[in-house]
Amino acid sequence: MVQVKIIMKLVIAVSTTLLFLGSAAHAQKPLSLFGHALGEAEPEGCKPDEFQPGLDECSFGTRSAYYRAGKLVLIMDSVETTDRLLPDAVKKYGPPTSQKWETVQNGLGAKFRNRISTWELPTAYIRLEEKTSPHPEDPDRQSFVIMETRAERQRDLATKKNRPSALD
């Protein structure tokens, strides 16, 4: 029994170390998504976001990029759902910090499951929502990815926490 506890502690220690080393390796260079790196300078033509004070928004087709104090802090877009999304993200950012499945229903009543993977990296938060509708024509089939700085993520969480109840 003592040997099992020692082995379990060793497995946990090694797993934690590998997770830390994987995250640390990704912290060395600016993280990028769709060719944009967090912290890059704001281009000309962005407009103040009407719902989020202090943020400027630039749209590039379906892609939205948000800048605070002239630096990219958040970028998001929908992407085609393919079998390569998660493996490509793991290759680029390391193993996800967490994953969960959620059951959703489209407007026609069909139910399917979506996989949500998140990465809590030292400098960024990344969320990949893979839509798994079996119907290729389903407009809800597009997957979604968002990347934001850790500071912006903390700001988002604090805003949500302090938001009054919808019932008030």
N, C-alpha and C. Protein backbone atom coordinates (compact mmCIF):
# COMPACT_ATOMS: atom_id res chain seq x y z
N MET A 1 0.82 -1.19 0.00
CA MET A 1 0.00 0.00 0.00
C MET A 1 0.87 1.25 0.00
N VAL A 2 1.96 1.23 0.77
CA VAL A 2 2.87 2.37 0.82
C VAL A 2 3.51 2.57 -0.55
N GLN A 3 3.85 1.46 -1.22
CA GLN A 3 4.46 1.57 -2.55
C GLN A 3 3.50 2.21 -3.55
N VAL A 4 2.21 1.88 -3.46
CA VAL A 4 1.22 2.45 -4.37
C VAL A 4 1.14 3.96 -4.15
N LYS A 5 1.14 4.41 -2.90
CA LYS A 5 1.08 5.84 -2.60
C LYS A 5 2.31 6.56 -3.13
N ILE A 6 3.46 5.96 -2.98
CA ILE A 6 4.71 6.56 -3.48
C ILE A 6 4.65 6.67 -5.01
N ILE A 7 4.20 5.61 -5.67
CA ILE A 7 4.11 5.62 -7.13
C ILE A 7 3.12 6.68 -7.58
N MET A 8 1.96 6.80 -6.90
CA MET A 8 0.96 7.80 -7.27
C MET A 8 1.54 9.21 -7.11
N LYS A 9 2.27 9.47 -6.03
CA LYS A 9 2.88 10.78 -5.83
C LYS A 9 3.89 11.07 -6.92
N LEU A 10 4.66 10.05 -7.31
CA LEU A 10 5.66 10.21 -8.36
C LEU A 10 4.98 10.53 -9.69
N VAL A 11 3.89 9.82 -10.02
CA VAL A 11 3.15 10.07 -11.26
C VAL A 11 2.61 11.49 -11.28
N ILE A 12 2.05 11.94 -10.17
CA ILE A 12 1.52 13.30 -10.09
C ILE A 12 2.64 14.32 -10.25
N ALA A 13 3.76 14.10 -9.61
CA ALA A 13 4.89 15.03 -9.70
C ALA A 13 5.41 15.13 -11.14
N VAL A 14 5.57 13.99 -11.79
CA VAL A 14 6.07 13.97 -13.17
C VAL A 14 5.06 14.65 -14.10
N SER A 15 3.76 14.36 -13.94
CA SER A 15 2.73 14.97 -14.78
C SER A 15 2.72 16.48 -14.62
N THR A 16 2.80 16.95 -13.38
CA THR A 16 2.81 18.38 -13.11
C THR A 16 4.03 19.04 -13.74
N THR A 17 5.17 18.40 -13.61
CA THR A 17 6.41 18.94 -14.19
C THR A 17 6.30 19.03 -15.70
N LEU A 18 5.79 17.98 -16.35
CA LEU A 18 5.65 17.99 -17.81
C LEU A 18 4.67 19.07 -18.26
N LEU A 19 3.57 19.23 -17.53
CA LEU A 19 2.61 20.27 -17.87
C LEU A 19 3.25 21.64 -17.75
N PHE A 20 4.01 21.86 -16.67
CA PHE A 20 4.68 23.14 -16.47
C PHE A 20 5.71 23.40 -17.58
N LEU A 21 6.50 22.38 -17.89
CA LEU A 21 7.51 22.55 -18.93
C LEU A 21 6.87 22.83 -20.28
N GLY A 22 5.75 22.16 -20.60
CA GLY A 22 5.05 22.42 -21.85
C GLY A 22 4.54 23.84 -21.90
N SER A 23 3.95 24.32 -20.79
CA SER A 23 3.45 25.69 -20.74
C SER A 23 4.59 26.69 -20.81
N ALA A 24 5.69 26.40 -20.12
CA ALA A 24 6.84 27.31 -20.11
C ALA A 24 7.44 27.43 -21.51
N ALA A 25 7.45 26.33 -22.25
CA ALA A 25 8.00 26.37 -23.60
C ALA A 25 7.18 27.31 -24.48
N HIS A 26 5.86 27.33 -24.25
CA HIS A 26 5.00 28.19 -25.06
C HIS A 26 5.06 29.63 -24.61
N ALA A 27 5.60 29.88 -23.41
CA ALA A 27 5.68 31.25 -22.89
C ALA A 27 6.86 32.00 -23.48
N GLN A 28 7.78 31.31 -24.13
CA GLN A 28 9.01 31.93 -24.62
C GLN A 28 8.77 32.85 -25.80
N LYS A 29 7.79 32.55 -26.63
CA LYS A 29 7.53 33.38 -27.81
C LYS A 29 6.10 33.90 -27.74
N PRO A 30 5.82 35.05 -28.36
CA PRO A 30 4.44 35.56 -28.32
C PRO A 30 3.49 34.55 -28.97
N LEU A 31 2.37 34.31 -28.32
CA LEU A 31 1.40 33.38 -28.88
C LEU A 31 0.66 34.05 -30.02
N SER A 32 0.36 33.26 -31.05
CA SER A 32 -0.33 33.83 -32.20
C SER A 32 -1.51 32.95 -32.59
N LEU A 33 -2.44 33.58 -33.27
CA LEU A 33 -3.63 32.91 -33.78
C LEU A 33 -4.01 33.64 -35.06
N PHE A 34 -4.23 32.90 -36.13
CA PHE A 34 -4.61 33.49 -37.42
C PHE A 34 -3.59 34.52 -37.89
N GLY A 35 -2.32 34.34 -37.56
CA GLY A 35 -1.28 35.26 -38.00
C GLY A 35 -1.17 36.53 -37.17
N HIS A 36 -1.89 36.62 -36.07
CA HIS A 36 -1.83 37.78 -35.18
C HIS A 36 -1.27 37.35 -33.84
N ALA A 37 -0.32 38.12 -33.31
CA ALA A 37 0.31 37.78 -32.03
C ALA A 37 -0.23 38.68 -30.93
N LEU A 38 -0.51 38.07 -29.77
CA LEU A 38 -0.92 38.89 -28.63
C LEU A 38 0.14 39.94 -28.37
N GLY A 39 -0.29 41.17 -28.12
CA GLY A 39 0.64 42.26 -27.87
C GLY A 39 1.03 43.05 -29.10
N GLU A 40 0.64 42.58 -30.30
CA GLU A 40 1.00 43.34 -31.51
C GLU A 40 0.27 44.68 -31.53
N ALA A 41 0.83 45.61 -32.27
CA ALA A 41 0.30 46.97 -32.33
C ALA A 41 -1.04 47.02 -33.06
N GLU A 42 -1.87 47.96 -32.64
CA GLU A 42 -3.18 48.15 -33.24
C GLU A 42 -3.05 48.78 -34.61
N PRO A 43 -3.70 48.21 -35.64
CA PRO A 43 -3.65 48.80 -36.97
C PRO A 43 -4.59 50.01 -37.07
N GLU A 44 -4.43 50.76 -38.13
CA GLU A 44 -5.32 51.90 -38.40
C GLU A 44 -6.73 51.39 -38.66
N GLY A 45 -7.72 52.20 -38.31
CA GLY A 45 -9.09 51.91 -38.67
C GLY A 45 -9.91 51.17 -37.64
N CYS A 46 -9.35 50.86 -36.48
CA CYS A 46 -10.15 50.19 -35.45
C CYS A 46 -11.10 51.20 -34.82
N LYS A 47 -12.20 50.69 -34.29
CA LYS A 47 -13.20 51.57 -33.69
C LYS A 47 -13.41 51.19 -32.22
N PRO A 48 -13.73 52.16 -31.37
CA PRO A 48 -14.02 51.83 -29.97
C PRO A 48 -15.18 50.84 -29.88
N ASP A 49 -15.03 49.82 -29.04
CA ASP A 49 -16.08 48.84 -28.84
C ASP A 49 -17.17 49.47 -27.98
N GLU A 50 -18.40 49.43 -28.46
CA GLU A 50 -19.49 50.11 -27.76
C GLU A 50 -19.92 49.41 -26.48
N PHE A 51 -19.58 48.14 -26.32
CA PHE A 51 -20.00 47.40 -25.13
C PHE A 51 -18.90 47.22 -24.10
N GLN A 52 -17.66 47.43 -24.50
CA GLN A 52 -16.53 47.19 -23.60
C GLN A 52 -15.62 48.42 -23.58
N PRO A 53 -15.82 49.29 -22.60
CA PRO A 53 -15.00 50.50 -22.52
C PRO A 53 -13.51 50.17 -22.45
N GLY A 54 -12.73 50.96 -23.16
CA GLY A 54 -11.28 50.78 -23.15
C GLY A 54 -10.77 49.84 -24.23
N LEU A 55 -11.68 49.19 -24.96
CA LEU A 55 -11.27 48.28 -26.03
C LEU A 55 -11.62 48.89 -27.38
N ASP A 56 -10.71 48.70 -28.33
CA ASP A 56 -10.97 49.04 -29.73
C ASP A 56 -11.14 47.73 -30.48
N GLU A 57 -12.07 47.70 -31.45
CA GLU A 57 -12.33 46.49 -32.21
C GLU A 57 -11.97 46.69 -33.67
N CYS A 58 -11.32 45.69 -34.23
CA CYS A 58 -11.06 45.63 -35.67
C CYS A 58 -11.68 44.34 -36.18
N SER A 59 -12.37 44.43 -37.29
CA SER A 59 -12.97 43.24 -37.89
C SER A 59 -12.27 42.93 -39.20
N PHE A 60 -11.99 41.66 -39.40
CA PHE A 60 -11.38 41.17 -40.64
C PHE A 60 -12.26 40.04 -41.13
N GLY A 61 -13.34 40.34 -41.81
CA GLY A 61 -14.30 39.31 -42.21
C GLY A 61 -15.03 38.80 -40.97
N THR A 62 -14.94 37.50 -40.71
CA THR A 62 -15.58 36.93 -39.51
C THR A 62 -14.71 37.07 -38.27
N ARG A 63 -13.47 37.45 -38.46
CA ARG A 63 -12.51 37.55 -37.36
C ARG A 63 -12.64 38.89 -36.66
N SER A 64 -12.61 38.86 -35.33
CA SER A 64 -12.62 40.09 -34.54
C SER A 64 -11.37 40.13 -33.68
N ALA A 65 -10.74 41.29 -33.66
CA ALA A 65 -9.55 41.50 -32.83
C ALA A 65 -9.81 42.70 -31.94
N TYR A 66 -9.41 42.59 -30.68
CA TYR A 66 -9.64 43.66 -29.71
C TYR A 66 -8.30 44.15 -29.16
N TYR A 67 -8.19 45.47 -29.07
CA TYR A 67 -6.95 46.11 -28.64
C TYR A 67 -7.23 46.97 -27.41
N ARG A 68 -6.34 46.92 -26.45
CA ARG A 68 -6.39 47.77 -25.26
C ARG A 68 -5.07 48.51 -25.21
N ALA A 69 -5.13 49.83 -25.09
CA ALA A 69 -3.93 50.66 -25.06
C ALA A 69 -3.03 50.39 -26.26
N GLY A 70 -3.65 50.14 -27.42
CA GLY A 70 -2.90 49.96 -28.66
C GLY A 70 -2.27 48.59 -28.86
N LYS A 71 -2.54 47.62 -27.97
CA LYS A 71 -1.95 46.28 -28.09
C LYS A 71 -3.05 45.22 -28.19
N LEU A 72 -2.82 44.20 -29.03
CA LEU A 72 -3.79 43.12 -29.19
C LEU A 72 -3.92 42.34 -27.89
N VAL A 73 -5.16 42.24 -27.38
CA VAL A 73 -5.40 41.50 -26.14
C VAL A 73 -6.36 40.33 -26.33
N LEU A 74 -7.10 40.31 -27.45
CA LEU A 74 -8.07 39.25 -27.67
C LEU A 74 -8.34 39.13 -29.17
N ILE A 75 -8.41 37.89 -29.64
CA ILE A 75 -8.77 37.64 -31.04
C ILE A 75 -9.65 36.41 -31.08
N MET A 76 -10.68 36.44 -31.94
CA MET A 76 -11.58 35.30 -32.05
C MET A 76 -12.11 35.19 -33.47
N ASP A 77 -12.51 33.96 -33.80
CA ASP A 77 -13.07 33.70 -35.12
C ASP A 77 -13.73 32.33 -35.12
N SER A 78 -14.61 32.13 -36.10
CA SER A 78 -15.16 30.80 -36.32
C SER A 78 -14.27 30.12 -37.35
N VAL A 79 -14.18 28.81 -37.24
CA VAL A 79 -13.33 28.03 -38.14
C VAL A 79 -14.10 26.79 -38.56
N GLU A 80 -13.74 26.25 -39.71
CA GLU A 80 -14.39 25.03 -40.17
C GLU A 80 -14.07 23.88 -39.22
N THR A 81 -15.09 23.11 -38.89
CA THR A 81 -14.90 21.96 -38.02
C THR A 81 -14.24 20.84 -38.82
N THR A 82 -13.10 20.39 -38.34
CA THR A 82 -12.38 19.27 -38.97
C THR A 82 -11.80 18.38 -37.89
N ASP A 83 -11.35 17.20 -38.27
CA ASP A 83 -10.72 16.28 -37.33
C ASP A 83 -9.35 16.78 -36.88
N ARG A 84 -8.81 17.79 -37.56
CA ARG A 84 -7.46 18.28 -37.27
C ARG A 84 -7.44 19.42 -36.25
N LEU A 85 -8.59 20.00 -35.89
CA LEU A 85 -8.59 21.17 -35.01
C LEU A 85 -7.85 20.93 -33.70
N LEU A 86 -8.27 19.92 -32.95
CA LEU A 86 -7.65 19.67 -31.65
C LEU A 86 -6.19 19.24 -31.81
N PRO A 87 -5.86 18.27 -32.68
CA PRO A 87 -4.44 17.92 -32.82
C PRO A 87 -3.56 19.10 -33.23
N ASP A 88 -4.07 19.96 -34.11
CA ASP A 88 -3.29 21.14 -34.51
C ASP A 88 -3.09 22.09 -33.33
N ALA A 89 -4.14 22.27 -32.52
CA ALA A 89 -4.02 23.15 -31.35
C ALA A 89 -3.05 22.56 -30.32
N VAL A 90 -3.09 21.25 -30.12
CA VAL A 90 -2.17 20.60 -29.18
C VAL A 90 -0.74 20.75 -29.67
N LYS A 91 -0.54 20.60 -30.95
CA LYS A 91 0.81 20.76 -31.51
C LYS A 91 1.32 22.18 -31.29
N LYS A 92 0.44 23.16 -31.42
CA LYS A 92 0.84 24.56 -31.31
C LYS A 92 0.94 25.05 -29.87
N TYR A 93 -0.01 24.63 -28.99
CA TYR A 93 -0.08 25.19 -27.64
C TYR A 93 0.19 24.18 -26.51
N GLY A 94 0.37 22.90 -26.86
CA GLY A 94 0.55 21.88 -25.83
C GLY A 94 -0.79 21.27 -25.46
N PRO A 95 -0.79 20.32 -24.52
CA PRO A 95 -2.05 19.68 -24.15
C PRO A 95 -2.99 20.68 -23.47
N PRO A 96 -4.30 20.54 -23.69
CA PRO A 96 -5.23 21.47 -23.04
C PRO A 96 -5.20 21.31 -21.53
N THR A 97 -5.46 22.41 -20.84
CA THR A 97 -5.54 22.38 -19.38
C THR A 97 -6.81 21.65 -18.95
N SER A 98 -7.89 21.84 -19.72
CA SER A 98 -9.14 21.14 -19.40
C SER A 98 -9.93 20.90 -20.68
N GLN A 99 -10.80 19.88 -20.59
CA GLN A 99 -11.71 19.57 -21.68
C GLN A 99 -13.04 19.15 -21.08
N LYS A 100 -14.12 19.49 -21.78
CA LYS A 100 -15.42 19.01 -21.37
C LYS A 100 -16.30 18.87 -22.60
N TRP A 101 -17.34 18.09 -22.47
CA TRP A 101 -18.32 17.90 -23.53
C TRP A 101 -19.64 18.52 -23.07
N GLU A 102 -20.35 19.17 -23.99
CA GLU A 102 -21.67 19.67 -23.68
C GLU A 102 -22.64 19.24 -24.76
N THR A 103 -23.84 18.89 -24.35
CA THR A 103 -24.88 18.50 -25.29
C THR A 103 -25.67 19.75 -25.65
N VAL A 104 -25.83 19.98 -26.95
CA VAL A 104 -26.57 21.14 -27.44
C VAL A 104 -27.64 20.68 -28.41
N GLN A 105 -28.57 21.58 -28.71
CA GLN A 105 -29.65 21.26 -29.62
C GLN A 105 -29.78 22.38 -30.64
N ASN A 106 -29.90 22.04 -31.92
CA ASN A 106 -30.06 23.07 -32.93
C ASN A 106 -31.53 23.45 -33.08
N GLY A 107 -31.81 24.40 -33.96
CA GLY A 107 -33.17 24.90 -34.15
C GLY A 107 -34.14 23.85 -34.67
N LEU A 108 -33.63 22.79 -35.25
CA LEU A 108 -34.50 21.73 -35.78
C LEU A 108 -34.76 20.63 -34.75
N GLY A 109 -34.14 20.77 -33.58
CA GLY A 109 -34.35 19.79 -32.52
C GLY A 109 -33.30 18.70 -32.43
N ALA A 110 -32.38 18.66 -33.38
CA ALA A 110 -31.33 17.64 -33.34
C ALA A 110 -30.35 17.96 -32.20
N LYS A 111 -29.97 16.92 -31.46
CA LYS A 111 -29.02 17.09 -30.36
C LYS A 111 -27.68 16.51 -30.77
N PHE A 112 -26.62 17.17 -30.34
CA PHE A 112 -25.28 16.68 -30.58
C PHE A 112 -24.36 17.22 -29.50
N ARG A 113 -23.15 16.69 -29.46
CA ARG A 113 -22.21 17.07 -28.40
C ARG A 113 -21.07 17.90 -28.97
N ASN A 114 -20.70 18.93 -28.24
CA ASN A 114 -19.57 19.78 -28.60
C ASN A 114 -18.45 19.57 -27.59
N ARG A 115 -17.22 19.58 -28.09
CA ARG A 115 -16.07 19.46 -27.20
C ARG A 115 -15.50 20.86 -26.98
N ILE A 116 -15.26 21.20 -25.72
CA ILE A 116 -14.66 22.49 -25.37
C ILE A 116 -13.32 22.22 -24.71
N SER A 117 -12.27 22.71 -25.33
CA SER A 117 -10.90 22.55 -24.80
C SER A 117 -10.39 23.93 -24.42
N THR A 118 -9.74 24.02 -23.26
CA THR A 118 -9.16 25.30 -22.84
C THR A 118 -7.71 25.12 -22.47
N TRP A 119 -6.95 26.16 -22.70
CA TRP A 119 -5.54 26.23 -22.34
C TRP A 119 -5.35 27.42 -21.42
N GLU A 120 -4.88 27.18 -20.21
CA GLU A 120 -4.53 28.25 -19.27
C GLU A 120 -3.01 28.35 -19.29
N LEU A 121 -2.47 29.11 -20.21
CA LEU A 121 -1.02 29.24 -20.36
C LEU A 121 -0.53 30.43 -19.54
N PRO A 122 0.77 30.53 -19.29
CA PRO A 122 1.28 31.64 -18.47
C PRO A 122 0.91 33.02 -19.00
N THR A 123 0.83 33.18 -20.32
CA THR A 123 0.55 34.51 -20.86
C THR A 123 -0.79 34.62 -21.58
N ALA A 124 -1.52 33.50 -21.70
CA ALA A 124 -2.75 33.53 -22.49
C ALA A 124 -3.76 32.50 -22.04
N TYR A 125 -4.99 32.76 -22.42
CA TYR A 125 -6.11 31.84 -22.25
C TYR A 125 -6.63 31.54 -23.65
N ILE A 126 -6.80 30.27 -23.98
CA ILE A 126 -7.29 29.87 -25.29
C ILE A 126 -8.48 28.93 -25.08
N ARG A 127 -9.53 29.15 -25.87
CA ARG A 127 -10.73 28.30 -25.80
C ARG A 127 -11.08 27.86 -27.21
N LEU A 128 -11.20 26.56 -27.39
CA LEU A 128 -11.59 25.97 -28.67
C LEU A 128 -12.90 25.22 -28.45
N GLU A 129 -13.96 25.65 -29.14
CA GLU A 129 -15.25 24.98 -29.09
C GLU A 129 -15.46 24.28 -30.42
N GLU A 130 -15.41 22.95 -30.39
CA GLU A 130 -15.59 22.17 -31.61
C GLU A 130 -17.05 21.76 -31.74
N LYS A 131 -17.69 22.23 -32.79
CA LYS A 131 -19.10 21.91 -33.04
C LYS A 131 -19.17 20.60 -33.81
N THR A 132 -20.01 19.69 -33.37
CA THR A 132 -20.02 18.36 -33.96
C THR A 132 -21.33 18.00 -34.64
N SER A 133 -22.11 18.99 -35.06
CA SER A 133 -23.37 18.69 -35.76
C SER A 133 -23.07 17.78 -36.95
N PRO A 134 -23.85 16.71 -37.10
CA PRO A 134 -23.59 15.79 -38.22
C PRO A 134 -24.09 16.32 -39.56
N HIS A 135 -24.76 17.45 -39.56
CA HIS A 135 -25.34 17.99 -40.78
C HIS A 135 -24.42 19.06 -41.37
N PRO A 136 -23.77 18.80 -42.50
CA PRO A 136 -22.83 19.77 -43.08
C PRO A 136 -23.44 21.14 -43.38
N GLU A 137 -24.75 21.20 -43.64
CA GLU A 137 -25.39 22.47 -43.95
C GLU A 137 -25.77 23.26 -42.71
N ASP A 138 -25.65 22.66 -41.53
CA ASP A 138 -26.04 23.31 -40.28
C ASP A 138 -25.14 24.53 -40.05
N PRO A 139 -25.73 25.75 -39.99
CA PRO A 139 -24.90 26.94 -39.79
C PRO A 139 -24.23 26.97 -38.42
N ASP A 140 -24.73 26.18 -37.48
CA ASP A 140 -24.12 26.12 -36.15
C ASP A 140 -22.93 25.16 -36.11
N ARG A 141 -22.58 24.58 -37.25
CA ARG A 141 -21.50 23.59 -37.29
C ARG A 141 -20.11 24.24 -37.21
N GLN A 142 -20.00 25.51 -37.47
CA GLN A 142 -18.71 26.18 -37.40
C GLN A 142 -18.16 26.12 -35.98
N SER A 143 -16.91 25.75 -35.84
CA SER A 143 -16.25 25.77 -34.53
C SER A 143 -15.80 27.19 -34.24
N PHE A 144 -15.36 27.40 -33.03
CA PHE A 144 -15.06 28.75 -32.56
C PHE A 144 -13.77 28.70 -31.74
N VAL A 145 -12.90 29.68 -31.94
CA VAL A 145 -11.67 29.75 -31.16
C VAL A 145 -11.45 31.18 -30.70
N ILE A 146 -10.98 31.31 -29.46
CA ILE A 146 -10.69 32.62 -28.89
C ILE A 146 -9.35 32.53 -28.17
N MET A 147 -8.56 33.58 -28.28
CA MET A 147 -7.30 33.67 -27.55
C MET A 147 -7.23 35.07 -26.96
N GLU A 148 -6.92 35.14 -25.68
CA GLU A 148 -6.78 36.44 -25.03
C GLU A 148 -5.65 36.40 -24.01
N THR A 149 -5.14 37.57 -23.69
CA THR A 149 -4.08 37.64 -22.68
C THR A 149 -4.65 37.22 -21.33
N ARG A 150 -3.78 36.78 -20.44
CA ARG A 150 -4.23 36.41 -19.09
C ARG A 150 -4.85 37.62 -18.39
N ALA A 151 -4.27 38.80 -18.57
CA ALA A 151 -4.81 40.01 -17.94
C ALA A 151 -6.21 40.30 -18.45
N GLU A 152 -6.44 40.14 -19.74
CA GLU A 152 -7.78 40.38 -20.30
C GLU A 152 -8.76 39.33 -19.80
N ARG A 153 -8.32 38.10 -19.68
CA ARG A 153 -9.17 37.03 -19.15
C ARG A 153 -9.59 37.34 -17.71
N GLN A 154 -8.64 37.79 -16.88
CA GLN A 154 -8.96 38.15 -15.50
C GLN A 154 -9.95 39.32 -15.46
N ARG A 155 -9.78 40.27 -16.36
CA ARG A 155 -10.69 41.41 -16.45
C ARG A 155 -12.10 40.93 -16.82
N ASP A 156 -12.19 40.01 -17.79
CA ASP A 156 -13.49 39.44 -18.20
C ASP A 156 -14.17 38.73 -17.03
N LEU A 157 -13.41 37.90 -16.32
CA LEU A 157 -13.97 37.16 -15.20
C LEU A 157 -14.46 38.10 -14.10
N ALA A 158 -13.68 39.14 -13.80
CA ALA A 158 -14.08 40.10 -12.77
C ALA A 158 -15.36 40.84 -13.18
N THR A 159 -15.45 41.19 -14.46
CA THR A 159 -16.65 41.88 -14.96
C THR A 159 -17.87 40.99 -14.82
N LYS A 160 -17.74 39.72 -15.20
CA LYS A 160 -18.86 38.78 -15.10
C LYS A 160 -19.26 38.56 -13.65
N LYS A 161 -18.27 38.48 -12.77
CA LYS A 161 -18.54 38.24 -11.36
C LYS A 161 -19.31 39.41 -10.74
N ASN A 162 -19.00 40.63 -11.15
CA ASN A 162 -19.62 41.83 -10.58
C ASN A 162 -20.88 42.27 -11.32
N ARG A 163 -21.23 41.57 -12.39
CA ARG A 163 -22.41 41.93 -13.17
C ARG A 163 -23.67 41.63 -12.34
N PRO A 164 -24.64 42.55 -12.32
CA PRO A 164 -25.87 42.28 -11.58
C PRO A 164 -26.63 41.11 -12.21
N SER A 165 -27.45 40.48 -11.43
CA SER A 165 -28.25 39.36 -11.90
C SER A 165 -29.21 39.83 -12.99
N ALA A 166 -29.46 38.97 -13.96
CA ALA A 166 -30.42 39.28 -15.02
C ALA A 166 -31.83 39.39 -14.43
N LEU A 167 -32.02 38.86 -13.24
CA LEU A 167 -33.34 38.91 -12.60
C LEU A 167 -33.57 40.22 -11.87
N ASP A 168 -32.53 41.03 -11.68
CA ASP A 168 -32.67 42.31 -10.96
C ASP A 168 -33.29 43.36 -11.84
